Structures are given as structure tokens and as C-alpha cells.
N, C-alpha and C. Protein backbone atom coordinates (compact mmCIF):
# COMPACT_ATOMS: atom_id res chain seq x y z
N MET A 1 21.53 -0.37 6.42
CA MET A 1 21.91 0.55 7.47
C MET A 1 20.89 0.55 8.61
N LEU A 2 19.60 0.53 8.28
CA LEU A 2 18.59 0.50 9.33
C LEU A 2 18.76 -0.71 10.22
N GLN A 3 19.05 -1.86 9.61
CA GLN A 3 19.22 -3.07 10.40
C GLN A 3 20.43 -2.93 11.31
N ALA A 4 21.53 -2.40 10.79
CA ALA A 4 22.73 -2.25 11.61
C ALA A 4 22.46 -1.34 12.79
N MET A 5 21.70 -0.28 12.56
CA MET A 5 21.38 0.64 13.64
C MET A 5 20.52 -0.06 14.70
N SER A 6 19.56 -0.88 14.27
CA SER A 6 18.69 -1.54 15.23
C SER A 6 19.47 -2.57 16.05
N GLU A 7 20.44 -3.23 15.44
CA GLU A 7 21.23 -4.21 16.17
C GLU A 7 22.02 -3.55 17.30
N GLU A 8 22.48 -2.30 17.08
CA GLU A 8 23.24 -1.60 18.09
C GLU A 8 22.37 -1.23 19.28
N ARG A 9 21.07 -1.10 19.09
CA ARG A 9 20.17 -0.68 20.15
C ARG A 9 19.51 -1.84 20.88
N ARG A 10 19.79 -3.05 20.51
CA ARG A 10 19.14 -4.21 21.13
C ARG A 10 19.42 -4.27 22.61
N ARG A 11 18.37 -4.59 23.35
CA ARG A 11 18.50 -4.74 24.79
C ARG A 11 18.60 -6.20 25.20
N SER A 12 18.17 -7.09 24.33
CA SER A 12 18.19 -8.51 24.66
C SER A 12 18.65 -9.30 23.45
N PRO A 13 19.35 -10.42 23.70
CA PRO A 13 19.85 -11.22 22.58
C PRO A 13 18.72 -11.86 21.77
N ARG A 14 18.97 -12.01 20.48
CA ARG A 14 17.99 -12.63 19.59
C ARG A 14 18.41 -14.06 19.30
N ILE A 15 17.40 -14.91 19.15
CA ILE A 15 17.61 -16.31 18.82
C ILE A 15 17.07 -16.52 17.41
N ARG A 16 17.91 -17.05 16.54
CA ARG A 16 17.43 -17.37 15.19
C ARG A 16 16.44 -18.52 15.28
N CYS A 17 15.26 -18.30 14.72
CA CYS A 17 14.25 -19.36 14.71
C CYS A 17 13.18 -19.01 13.68
N VAL A 18 12.57 -20.04 13.16
CA VAL A 18 11.50 -19.88 12.18
C VAL A 18 10.21 -20.32 12.84
N LEU A 19 9.36 -19.34 13.12
CA LEU A 19 8.07 -19.61 13.76
C LEU A 19 6.96 -18.92 12.97
N PRO A 20 5.79 -19.54 12.89
CA PRO A 20 4.67 -18.86 12.25
C PRO A 20 4.26 -17.63 13.06
N VAL A 21 3.99 -16.54 12.36
CA VAL A 21 3.55 -15.31 13.01
C VAL A 21 2.49 -14.65 12.14
N ARG A 22 1.48 -14.07 12.80
CA ARG A 22 0.44 -13.32 12.10
C ARG A 22 0.47 -11.89 12.60
N LEU A 23 0.50 -10.95 11.65
CA LEU A 23 0.54 -9.53 11.98
C LEU A 23 -0.79 -8.90 11.59
N TYR A 24 -1.37 -8.15 12.48
CA TYR A 24 -2.63 -7.46 12.24
C TYR A 24 -2.36 -5.96 12.36
N PRO A 25 -2.04 -5.28 11.26
CA PRO A 25 -1.79 -3.83 11.33
C PRO A 25 -3.06 -3.10 11.75
N GLN A 26 -2.91 -2.18 12.69
CA GLN A 26 -4.05 -1.42 13.21
C GLN A 26 -4.74 -0.66 12.08
N GLY A 27 -6.06 -0.76 12.03
CA GLY A 27 -6.84 -0.04 11.03
C GLY A 27 -6.90 -0.71 9.68
N GLU A 28 -6.33 -1.90 9.54
CA GLU A 28 -6.35 -2.63 8.27
C GLU A 28 -7.07 -3.96 8.47
N THR A 29 -7.66 -4.46 7.39
CA THR A 29 -8.35 -5.75 7.47
C THR A 29 -7.45 -6.89 7.00
N LYS A 30 -6.40 -6.59 6.26
CA LYS A 30 -5.50 -7.63 5.75
C LYS A 30 -4.56 -8.14 6.84
N VAL A 31 -4.52 -9.45 6.99
CA VAL A 31 -3.62 -10.10 7.94
C VAL A 31 -2.38 -10.55 7.18
N ILE A 32 -1.23 -10.30 7.75
CA ILE A 32 0.03 -10.75 7.15
C ILE A 32 0.45 -12.03 7.87
N GLN A 33 0.41 -13.16 7.16
CA GLN A 33 0.86 -14.44 7.72
C GLN A 33 2.24 -14.70 7.16
N THR A 34 3.21 -14.89 8.05
CA THR A 34 4.59 -15.03 7.61
C THR A 34 5.38 -15.85 8.62
N LEU A 35 6.70 -15.77 8.54
CA LEU A 35 7.60 -16.52 9.42
C LEU A 35 8.62 -15.58 10.04
N THR A 36 9.00 -15.89 11.27
CA THR A 36 10.05 -15.11 11.91
C THR A 36 11.41 -15.51 11.34
N LYS A 37 12.36 -14.60 11.48
CA LYS A 37 13.77 -14.87 11.19
C LYS A 37 14.54 -14.99 12.51
N ASP A 38 14.13 -14.19 13.50
CA ASP A 38 14.68 -14.30 14.84
C ASP A 38 13.70 -13.69 15.83
N VAL A 39 13.90 -14.04 17.11
CA VAL A 39 12.99 -13.61 18.17
C VAL A 39 13.81 -13.29 19.42
N SER A 40 13.37 -12.29 20.17
CA SER A 40 13.95 -12.00 21.48
C SER A 40 12.81 -11.67 22.44
N ILE A 41 13.15 -11.44 23.67
CA ILE A 41 12.12 -11.09 24.65
C ILE A 41 11.52 -9.73 24.35
N GLY A 42 12.21 -8.93 23.54
CA GLY A 42 11.73 -7.59 23.23
C GLY A 42 11.08 -7.42 21.88
N GLY A 43 11.19 -8.43 20.99
CA GLY A 43 10.61 -8.29 19.67
C GLY A 43 11.03 -9.39 18.73
N LEU A 44 10.84 -9.14 17.43
CA LEU A 44 11.16 -10.15 16.43
C LEU A 44 11.48 -9.51 15.09
N LYS A 45 12.07 -10.31 14.23
CA LYS A 45 12.32 -9.95 12.84
C LYS A 45 11.57 -10.96 12.00
N CYS A 46 10.86 -10.48 10.98
CA CYS A 46 10.12 -11.39 10.12
C CYS A 46 10.14 -10.90 8.69
N LEU A 47 9.70 -11.76 7.80
CA LEU A 47 9.52 -11.41 6.39
C LEU A 47 8.10 -10.88 6.19
N SER A 48 7.94 -10.00 5.21
CA SER A 48 6.62 -9.47 4.90
C SER A 48 6.55 -9.15 3.41
N PRO A 49 5.40 -9.42 2.79
CA PRO A 49 5.24 -9.03 1.39
C PRO A 49 5.05 -7.52 1.25
N LEU A 50 4.79 -6.83 2.37
CA LEU A 50 4.55 -5.39 2.37
C LEU A 50 5.49 -4.70 3.36
N SER A 51 5.91 -3.50 3.01
CA SER A 51 6.64 -2.71 4.00
C SER A 51 5.62 -2.04 4.91
N LYS A 52 6.02 -1.75 6.10
CA LYS A 52 5.16 -1.04 7.05
C LYS A 52 5.98 0.10 7.62
N PRO A 53 5.43 1.31 7.61
CA PRO A 53 6.19 2.45 8.14
C PRO A 53 6.59 2.23 9.59
N VAL A 54 7.70 2.85 9.98
CA VAL A 54 8.15 2.81 11.36
C VAL A 54 7.03 3.33 12.26
N SER A 55 6.85 2.69 13.39
CA SER A 55 5.84 3.02 14.41
C SER A 55 4.43 2.56 14.05
N THR A 56 4.28 1.71 13.02
CA THR A 56 2.97 1.15 12.71
C THR A 56 2.53 0.24 13.86
N PRO A 57 1.39 0.53 14.50
CA PRO A 57 0.89 -0.34 15.56
C PRO A 57 0.39 -1.67 14.98
N LEU A 58 0.70 -2.74 15.68
CA LEU A 58 0.33 -4.08 15.24
C LEU A 58 -0.19 -4.90 16.42
N SER A 59 -1.05 -5.84 16.12
CA SER A 59 -1.31 -6.96 17.02
C SER A 59 -0.56 -8.13 16.42
N VAL A 60 0.15 -8.86 17.25
CA VAL A 60 0.99 -9.96 16.79
C VAL A 60 0.53 -11.25 17.46
N GLU A 61 0.40 -12.30 16.65
CA GLU A 61 0.17 -13.65 17.17
C GLU A 61 1.37 -14.49 16.78
N LEU A 62 2.10 -14.93 17.77
CA LEU A 62 3.32 -15.71 17.56
C LEU A 62 3.07 -17.13 18.02
N ASP A 63 3.22 -18.08 17.11
CA ASP A 63 3.01 -19.49 17.41
C ASP A 63 4.32 -20.08 17.92
N LEU A 64 4.37 -20.36 19.23
CA LEU A 64 5.59 -20.88 19.84
C LEU A 64 5.77 -22.38 19.62
N GLY A 65 4.79 -23.03 18.99
CA GLY A 65 4.96 -24.40 18.56
C GLY A 65 4.88 -25.46 19.64
N ARG A 66 4.82 -25.08 20.88
CA ARG A 66 4.74 -26.05 21.97
C ARG A 66 3.31 -26.13 22.43
N ASP A 67 2.75 -27.31 22.37
CA ASP A 67 1.36 -27.51 22.81
C ASP A 67 0.42 -26.49 22.18
N LYS A 68 0.72 -26.13 20.94
CA LYS A 68 -0.09 -25.16 20.21
C LYS A 68 -0.22 -23.83 20.95
N THR A 69 0.85 -23.42 21.63
CA THR A 69 0.87 -22.17 22.37
C THR A 69 0.99 -20.99 21.41
N VAL A 70 0.03 -20.08 21.49
CA VAL A 70 0.04 -18.87 20.67
C VAL A 70 0.10 -17.67 21.61
N MET A 71 1.10 -16.84 21.40
CA MET A 71 1.27 -15.65 22.21
C MET A 71 0.70 -14.46 21.45
N GLN A 72 -0.15 -13.69 22.08
CA GLN A 72 -0.72 -12.49 21.47
C GLN A 72 -0.16 -11.28 22.20
N VAL A 73 0.30 -10.29 21.42
CA VAL A 73 0.94 -9.12 22.03
C VAL A 73 0.77 -7.89 21.13
N ARG A 74 0.71 -6.73 21.74
CA ARG A 74 0.71 -5.47 20.99
C ARG A 74 2.15 -5.12 20.68
N ALA A 75 2.36 -4.56 19.50
CA ALA A 75 3.72 -4.27 19.06
C ALA A 75 3.70 -3.11 18.07
N ARG A 76 4.89 -2.76 17.57
CA ARG A 76 4.99 -1.75 16.52
C ARG A 76 6.26 -1.99 15.72
N THR A 77 6.24 -1.54 14.49
CA THR A 77 7.43 -1.67 13.65
C THR A 77 8.47 -0.64 14.11
N VAL A 78 9.73 -1.06 14.11
CA VAL A 78 10.80 -0.13 14.46
C VAL A 78 11.76 0.08 13.30
N TRP A 79 11.71 -0.81 12.31
CA TRP A 79 12.48 -0.62 11.08
C TRP A 79 11.95 -1.56 10.02
N PHE A 80 12.26 -1.27 8.77
CA PHE A 80 11.97 -2.18 7.66
C PHE A 80 13.08 -2.04 6.64
N GLN A 81 13.28 -3.13 5.88
CA GLN A 81 14.35 -3.15 4.89
C GLN A 81 13.94 -4.11 3.78
N GLN A 82 14.10 -3.69 2.54
CA GLN A 82 13.78 -4.59 1.43
C GLN A 82 14.81 -5.72 1.38
N VAL A 83 14.31 -6.93 1.16
CA VAL A 83 15.19 -8.08 1.02
C VAL A 83 16.02 -7.87 -0.25
N PRO A 84 17.35 -7.98 -0.16
CA PRO A 84 18.17 -7.79 -1.36
C PRO A 84 17.73 -8.70 -2.51
N ASN A 85 17.61 -8.13 -3.68
CA ASN A 85 17.21 -8.85 -4.89
C ASN A 85 15.86 -9.54 -4.74
N GLY A 86 14.98 -8.98 -3.94
CA GLY A 86 13.68 -9.60 -3.73
C GLY A 86 12.57 -8.56 -3.68
N GLU A 87 11.38 -9.08 -3.57
CA GLU A 87 10.21 -8.21 -3.51
C GLU A 87 9.59 -8.18 -2.11
N GLN A 88 10.21 -8.86 -1.16
CA GLN A 88 9.71 -8.87 0.20
C GLN A 88 10.51 -7.91 1.07
N PHE A 89 10.06 -7.75 2.30
CA PHE A 89 10.71 -6.87 3.25
C PHE A 89 10.97 -7.60 4.55
N TYR A 90 12.05 -7.21 5.23
CA TYR A 90 12.26 -7.61 6.60
C TYR A 90 11.61 -6.53 7.45
N LEU A 91 10.91 -6.94 8.49
CA LEU A 91 10.33 -6.00 9.44
C LEU A 91 10.94 -6.25 10.81
N GLY A 92 11.38 -5.19 11.46
CA GLY A 92 11.80 -5.26 12.85
C GLY A 92 10.62 -4.82 13.70
N ILE A 93 10.21 -5.68 14.61
CA ILE A 93 9.01 -5.43 15.41
C ILE A 93 9.37 -5.47 16.89
N MET A 94 8.95 -4.43 17.61
CA MET A 94 9.20 -4.36 19.05
C MET A 94 7.88 -4.55 19.79
N PHE A 95 7.92 -5.42 20.80
CA PHE A 95 6.73 -5.64 21.62
C PHE A 95 6.52 -4.42 22.52
N ASP A 96 5.29 -3.88 22.52
CA ASP A 96 4.98 -2.73 23.38
C ASP A 96 4.60 -3.17 24.78
N GLU A 97 3.76 -4.17 24.85
CA GLU A 97 3.28 -4.65 26.13
C GLU A 97 3.45 -6.16 26.16
N LEU A 98 4.13 -6.63 27.18
CA LEU A 98 4.33 -8.07 27.32
C LEU A 98 3.84 -8.46 28.71
N SER A 99 2.71 -9.16 28.75
CA SER A 99 2.15 -9.58 30.04
C SER A 99 3.12 -10.54 30.73
N ASP A 100 2.92 -10.73 32.01
CA ASP A 100 3.77 -11.68 32.76
C ASP A 100 3.67 -13.07 32.14
N ARG A 101 2.44 -13.46 31.76
CA ARG A 101 2.24 -14.79 31.15
C ARG A 101 3.03 -14.90 29.85
N ASN A 102 2.92 -13.88 28.97
CA ASN A 102 3.64 -13.93 27.69
C ASN A 102 5.15 -13.88 27.90
N ARG A 103 5.60 -13.10 28.88
CA ARG A 103 7.04 -13.04 29.18
C ARG A 103 7.54 -14.42 29.60
N GLN A 104 6.76 -15.12 30.43
CA GLN A 104 7.14 -16.47 30.87
C GLN A 104 7.14 -17.44 29.69
N LEU A 105 6.10 -17.40 28.86
CA LEU A 105 6.04 -18.29 27.69
C LEU A 105 7.23 -18.07 26.77
N LEU A 106 7.50 -16.81 26.47
CA LEU A 106 8.58 -16.50 25.55
C LEU A 106 9.94 -16.82 26.15
N SER A 107 10.13 -16.50 27.42
CA SER A 107 11.40 -16.82 28.09
C SER A 107 11.65 -18.32 28.08
N ARG A 108 10.61 -19.09 28.37
CA ARG A 108 10.73 -20.55 28.36
C ARG A 108 11.14 -21.04 26.98
N TYR A 109 10.52 -20.48 25.93
CA TYR A 109 10.86 -20.88 24.57
C TYR A 109 12.32 -20.51 24.26
N LEU A 110 12.70 -19.28 24.56
CA LEU A 110 14.05 -18.80 24.23
C LEU A 110 15.13 -19.54 24.99
N ASP A 111 14.82 -19.98 26.21
CA ASP A 111 15.82 -20.67 27.04
C ASP A 111 15.91 -22.17 26.77
N SER A 112 14.96 -22.70 26.01
CA SER A 112 14.94 -24.15 25.77
C SER A 112 15.82 -24.52 24.58
N PRO A 113 16.33 -25.76 24.57
CA PRO A 113 17.11 -26.21 23.41
C PRO A 113 16.20 -26.31 22.18
N ARG A 114 16.74 -25.94 21.05
CA ARG A 114 16.01 -26.02 19.78
C ARG A 114 16.74 -26.94 18.83
N PRO A 115 16.01 -27.61 17.96
CA PRO A 115 16.67 -28.44 16.94
C PRO A 115 17.59 -27.58 16.08
N ALA A 116 18.65 -28.17 15.58
CA ALA A 116 19.64 -27.44 14.77
C ALA A 116 19.01 -26.72 13.59
N SER A 117 17.96 -27.26 13.01
CA SER A 117 17.35 -26.64 11.83
C SER A 117 16.65 -25.34 12.17
N ARG A 118 16.37 -25.08 13.43
CA ARG A 118 15.65 -23.87 13.82
C ARG A 118 16.60 -22.79 14.33
N ARG A 119 17.88 -23.08 14.40
CA ARG A 119 18.83 -22.09 14.93
C ARG A 119 19.27 -21.16 13.86
């Protein structure tokens, strides 16, 4: 239900893609290294071994895979959901601040053709 609600509130389309992402929850020393499930100009969905409460502040490093481009952005969780029949969680993450440079990098990635395996 949380996921369905978040989909209704989306402001920008999401592109299915698998990209390396590192999450740094504010006030914690543990880094969550995982993969995205989809990405948009406003945020991303990823897998996590841990749930994170809604509104958890995060620093996010998203590896866009082109020329080793890594985008760093402040973000927060907007929803979480346990993976059915699993021990992991999906996290919905919204970018709080997106610099002009990061907006350009991400827009370029989202607008470019991707191999079929990444869609």
C-alpha cells in the first residue's frame, strides 16, 4: 500500500535501472551499499538489508556508470516496504537538494538510451 501511495504522488517518471548506490544515514557509521531498482529526477527506489523510518535523512552516492560519474546528494526516505517473502526492504528515497550539476548529470543519464538489461 505504501508503494501504491507513493506512485500516485510521483512528479517525474521513473526509469527502471540497476545502479550501484551508497546510503549514509545521518548519525550512523554504517554505510548501506546496494542497487537501485528505479531512478527519477526526484529520487530512487533501492533494496536495503535494513528498514529506515520515513523522513530519515541520508547522504546518497549514486554511481551513474558513465566515466565513473558519482552523484552525491542529500535525500530522505519517503517510504519503505518489506520485500515479499524476503528479509530485505525496498526504500523510496526523495532527493532534498539537487544541484544544477547533479540535475544535468541525472537528466543526461535518464534521457540516454540504456541497454535492454538495465530497463
